[in-house]
Amino acid sequence: KDVKGPSKDSTAGSSSSSFQAPQYESGEDYEAQSEYKQKGTDAKNEGNFDQALEYYNQAVQAAPPSALLYANRAVVLEQLGH
């Protein structure tokens, strides 16, 4: 399955006080979620928090997220000042 990179129309990196992280709504693409999580972790470990947030957001929306996925996204959000 081809996993797309971060979208350009996201609010990642926005310093707005009304920032809302995307939440899971529906879907069960666990393969895509796994790929997005790994790409998010790689980006986070490289210090690229904007890109990491994009990947984690996509992972959250791909399939029911785990507590660990939410925790990793929270770390990135904190690094970005959200």
N, C-alpha and C. Protein backbone atom coordinates (compact mmCIF):
# COMPACT_ATOMS: atom_id res chain seq x y z
N LYS A 1 0.85 -1.18 0.00
CA LYS A 1 0.00 0.00 0.00
C LYS A 1 0.89 1.24 0.00
N ASP A 2 0.58 2.20 -0.85
CA ASP A 2 1.35 3.43 -0.93
C ASP A 2 0.82 4.42 0.10
N VAL A 3 1.71 4.86 0.98
CA VAL A 3 1.33 5.83 2.02
C VAL A 3 1.83 7.19 1.61
N LYS A 4 0.92 8.14 1.55
CA LYS A 4 1.26 9.50 1.13
C LYS A 4 1.99 10.23 2.23
N GLY A 5 2.76 11.24 1.85
CA GLY A 5 3.45 12.09 2.81
C GLY A 5 2.51 13.10 3.42
N PRO A 6 3.03 13.95 4.27
CA PRO A 6 2.20 14.96 4.93
C PRO A 6 1.48 15.85 3.93
N SER A 7 0.25 16.21 4.25
CA SER A 7 -0.50 17.11 3.38
C SER A 7 -0.05 18.54 3.62
N LYS A 8 -0.26 19.38 2.64
CA LYS A 8 0.19 20.76 2.73
C LYS A 8 -0.86 21.68 3.33
N ASP A 9 -2.09 21.20 3.49
CA ASP A 9 -3.15 22.07 3.98
C ASP A 9 -3.46 21.85 5.46
N SER A 10 -2.55 21.23 6.18
CA SER A 10 -2.77 20.96 7.60
C SER A 10 -2.42 22.16 8.45
N THR A 11 -2.84 22.11 9.71
CA THR A 11 -2.52 23.18 10.66
C THR A 11 -1.28 22.85 11.47
N ALA A 12 -0.54 21.83 11.09
CA ALA A 12 0.67 21.48 11.83
C ALA A 12 1.61 22.66 11.89
N GLY A 13 2.17 22.86 13.07
CA GLY A 13 3.10 23.96 13.25
C GLY A 13 2.43 25.28 13.49
N SER A 14 1.13 25.34 13.40
CA SER A 14 0.41 26.58 13.64
C SER A 14 0.46 26.91 15.12
N SER A 15 0.73 28.16 15.45
CA SER A 15 0.80 28.54 16.85
C SER A 15 -0.52 29.12 17.35
N SER A 16 -1.56 28.92 16.60
CA SER A 16 -2.87 29.43 16.97
C SER A 16 -3.36 28.78 18.25
N SER A 17 -3.98 29.56 19.13
CA SER A 17 -4.49 29.02 20.37
C SER A 17 -5.72 28.15 20.15
N SER A 18 -6.29 28.19 18.97
CA SER A 18 -7.47 27.38 18.67
C SER A 18 -7.08 26.08 17.96
N PHE A 19 -5.84 25.68 18.06
CA PHE A 19 -5.36 24.47 17.41
C PHE A 19 -6.17 23.26 17.86
N GLN A 20 -6.59 22.43 16.92
CA GLN A 20 -7.33 21.21 17.19
C GLN A 20 -6.63 20.06 16.47
N ALA A 21 -6.15 19.08 17.21
CA ALA A 21 -5.53 17.91 16.60
C ALA A 21 -6.63 17.02 16.03
N PRO A 22 -6.47 16.53 14.81
CA PRO A 22 -7.48 15.65 14.22
C PRO A 22 -7.71 14.42 15.09
N GLN A 23 -8.93 13.94 15.12
CA GLN A 23 -9.29 12.77 15.92
C GLN A 23 -9.78 11.65 15.00
N TYR A 24 -9.74 10.44 15.51
CA TYR A 24 -10.22 9.28 14.77
C TYR A 24 -11.73 9.39 14.58
N GLU A 25 -12.19 9.11 13.37
CA GLU A 25 -13.63 9.09 13.08
C GLU A 25 -14.07 7.72 12.60
N SER A 26 -13.40 7.19 11.60
CA SER A 26 -13.73 5.86 11.12
C SER A 26 -12.61 5.35 10.22
N GLY A 27 -12.58 4.08 9.99
CA GLY A 27 -11.59 3.47 9.12
C GLY A 27 -10.84 2.39 9.87
N GLU A 28 -10.35 1.42 9.11
CA GLU A 28 -9.60 0.33 9.72
C GLU A 28 -8.43 -0.08 8.83
N ASP A 29 -7.65 0.90 8.39
CA ASP A 29 -6.49 0.62 7.55
C ASP A 29 -5.26 0.52 8.46
N TYR A 30 -5.12 -0.64 9.09
CA TYR A 30 -4.05 -0.83 10.06
C TYR A 30 -2.66 -0.84 9.42
N GLU A 31 -2.59 -1.28 8.17
CA GLU A 31 -1.30 -1.29 7.47
C GLU A 31 -0.82 0.15 7.26
N ALA A 32 -1.71 1.01 6.78
CA ALA A 32 -1.34 2.41 6.58
C ALA A 32 -1.02 3.07 7.92
N GLN A 33 -1.81 2.74 8.95
CA GLN A 33 -1.56 3.33 10.27
C GLN A 33 -0.15 2.97 10.75
N SER A 34 0.23 1.73 10.58
CA SER A 34 1.55 1.28 11.00
C SER A 34 2.65 2.04 10.26
N GLU A 35 2.46 2.23 8.96
CA GLU A 35 3.45 2.96 8.17
C GLU A 35 3.53 4.43 8.61
N TYR A 36 2.38 5.05 8.83
CA TYR A 36 2.37 6.44 9.29
C TYR A 36 3.03 6.58 10.66
N LYS A 37 2.73 5.64 11.56
CA LYS A 37 3.34 5.68 12.89
C LYS A 37 4.86 5.61 12.80
N GLN A 38 5.37 4.70 11.95
CA GLN A 38 6.82 4.55 11.81
C GLN A 38 7.44 5.81 11.21
N LYS A 39 6.79 6.38 10.20
CA LYS A 39 7.30 7.62 9.60
C LYS A 39 7.26 8.75 10.62
N GLY A 40 6.21 8.80 11.44
CA GLY A 40 6.12 9.81 12.48
C GLY A 40 7.22 9.66 13.50
N THR A 41 7.48 8.45 13.91
CA THR A 41 8.55 8.18 14.88
C THR A 41 9.91 8.56 14.31
N ASP A 42 10.14 8.21 13.06
CA ASP A 42 11.41 8.57 12.42
C ASP A 42 11.58 10.09 12.37
N ALA A 43 10.53 10.79 11.96
CA ALA A 43 10.60 12.26 11.87
C ALA A 43 10.81 12.87 13.25
N LYS A 44 10.11 12.35 14.26
CA LYS A 44 10.26 12.85 15.64
C LYS A 44 11.69 12.66 16.12
N ASN A 45 12.25 11.49 15.87
CA ASN A 45 13.62 11.20 16.31
C ASN A 45 14.65 12.06 15.60
N GLU A 46 14.32 12.54 14.41
CA GLU A 46 15.20 13.44 13.66
C GLU A 46 14.99 14.90 14.04
N GLY A 47 14.02 15.15 14.92
CA GLY A 47 13.73 16.53 15.34
C GLY A 47 12.82 17.29 14.39
N ASN A 48 12.23 16.60 13.42
CA ASN A 48 11.32 17.24 12.47
C ASN A 48 9.89 17.09 13.00
N PHE A 49 9.54 17.94 13.97
CA PHE A 49 8.28 17.78 14.68
C PHE A 49 7.06 18.13 13.83
N ASP A 50 7.17 19.08 12.92
CA ASP A 50 6.04 19.40 12.03
C ASP A 50 5.67 18.19 11.19
N GLN A 51 6.67 17.56 10.60
CA GLN A 51 6.42 16.39 9.77
C GLN A 51 5.93 15.23 10.62
N ALA A 52 6.50 15.05 11.80
CA ALA A 52 6.07 13.97 12.70
C ALA A 52 4.59 14.13 13.05
N LEU A 53 4.17 15.36 13.33
CA LEU A 53 2.77 15.61 13.67
C LEU A 53 1.87 15.23 12.51
N GLU A 54 2.25 15.57 11.30
CA GLU A 54 1.46 15.21 10.13
C GLU A 54 1.28 13.70 10.03
N TYR A 55 2.37 12.96 10.18
CA TYR A 55 2.29 11.51 10.09
C TYR A 55 1.45 10.92 11.22
N TYR A 56 1.65 11.40 12.44
CA TYR A 56 0.85 10.90 13.56
C TYR A 56 -0.63 11.21 13.36
N ASN A 57 -0.94 12.40 12.84
CA ASN A 57 -2.35 12.73 12.57
C ASN A 57 -2.94 11.77 11.55
N GLN A 58 -2.18 11.46 10.52
CA GLN A 58 -2.66 10.52 9.50
C GLN A 58 -2.84 9.13 10.09
N ALA A 59 -1.95 8.73 10.99
CA ALA A 59 -2.07 7.42 11.65
C ALA A 59 -3.32 7.36 12.51
N VAL A 60 -3.61 8.43 13.23
CA VAL A 60 -4.80 8.49 14.08
C VAL A 60 -6.05 8.34 13.24
N GLN A 61 -6.07 8.92 12.07
CA GLN A 61 -7.26 8.89 11.23
C GLN A 61 -7.39 7.60 10.41
N ALA A 62 -6.32 6.82 10.29
CA ALA A 62 -6.35 5.62 9.45
C ALA A 62 -7.09 4.45 10.10
N ALA A 63 -6.96 4.32 11.42
CA ALA A 63 -7.55 3.19 12.14
C ALA A 63 -7.66 3.57 13.61
N PRO A 64 -8.42 2.80 14.40
CA PRO A 64 -8.53 3.14 15.82
C PRO A 64 -7.14 3.25 16.47
N PRO A 65 -6.82 4.41 17.02
CA PRO A 65 -5.47 4.62 17.55
C PRO A 65 -5.26 4.00 18.92
N SER A 66 -4.01 3.70 19.21
CA SER A 66 -3.62 3.18 20.52
C SER A 66 -3.24 4.34 21.43
N ALA A 67 -3.16 4.05 22.71
CA ALA A 67 -2.73 5.05 23.68
C ALA A 67 -1.30 5.51 23.37
N LEU A 68 -0.46 4.59 22.91
CA LEU A 68 0.92 4.95 22.58
C LEU A 68 0.98 5.94 21.42
N LEU A 69 0.13 5.75 20.44
CA LEU A 69 0.09 6.68 19.30
C LEU A 69 -0.32 8.07 19.78
N TYR A 70 -1.35 8.14 20.62
CA TYR A 70 -1.75 9.44 21.18
C TYR A 70 -0.63 10.05 22.02
N ALA A 71 0.09 9.23 22.77
CA ALA A 71 1.18 9.73 23.60
C ALA A 71 2.31 10.29 22.74
N ASN A 72 2.65 9.60 21.67
CA ASN A 72 3.70 10.09 20.77
C ASN A 72 3.28 11.41 20.12
N ARG A 73 2.02 11.49 19.72
CA ARG A 73 1.54 12.74 19.13
C ARG A 73 1.56 13.86 20.17
N ALA A 74 1.23 13.54 21.41
CA ALA A 74 1.24 14.55 22.47
C ALA A 74 2.65 15.09 22.71
N VAL A 75 3.65 14.23 22.64
CA VAL A 75 5.04 14.68 22.80
C VAL A 75 5.39 15.67 21.70
N VAL A 76 4.99 15.36 20.48
CA VAL A 76 5.27 16.24 19.34
C VAL A 76 4.52 17.57 19.50
N LEU A 77 3.26 17.49 19.90
CA LEU A 77 2.48 18.72 20.10
C LEU A 77 3.13 19.61 21.16
N GLU A 78 3.64 19.00 22.22
CA GLU A 78 4.32 19.77 23.25
C GLU A 78 5.57 20.44 22.70
N GLN A 79 6.34 19.70 21.90
CA GLN A 79 7.55 20.27 21.30
C GLN A 79 7.23 21.45 20.38
N LEU A 80 6.04 21.42 19.77
CA LEU A 80 5.62 22.48 18.86
C LEU A 80 4.93 23.64 19.60
N GLY A 81 4.76 23.49 20.90
CA GLY A 81 4.17 24.56 21.70
C GLY A 81 2.65 24.58 21.71
N HIS A 82 2.02 23.47 21.41
CA HIS A 82 0.55 23.39 21.41
C HIS A 82 0.06 22.90 22.74
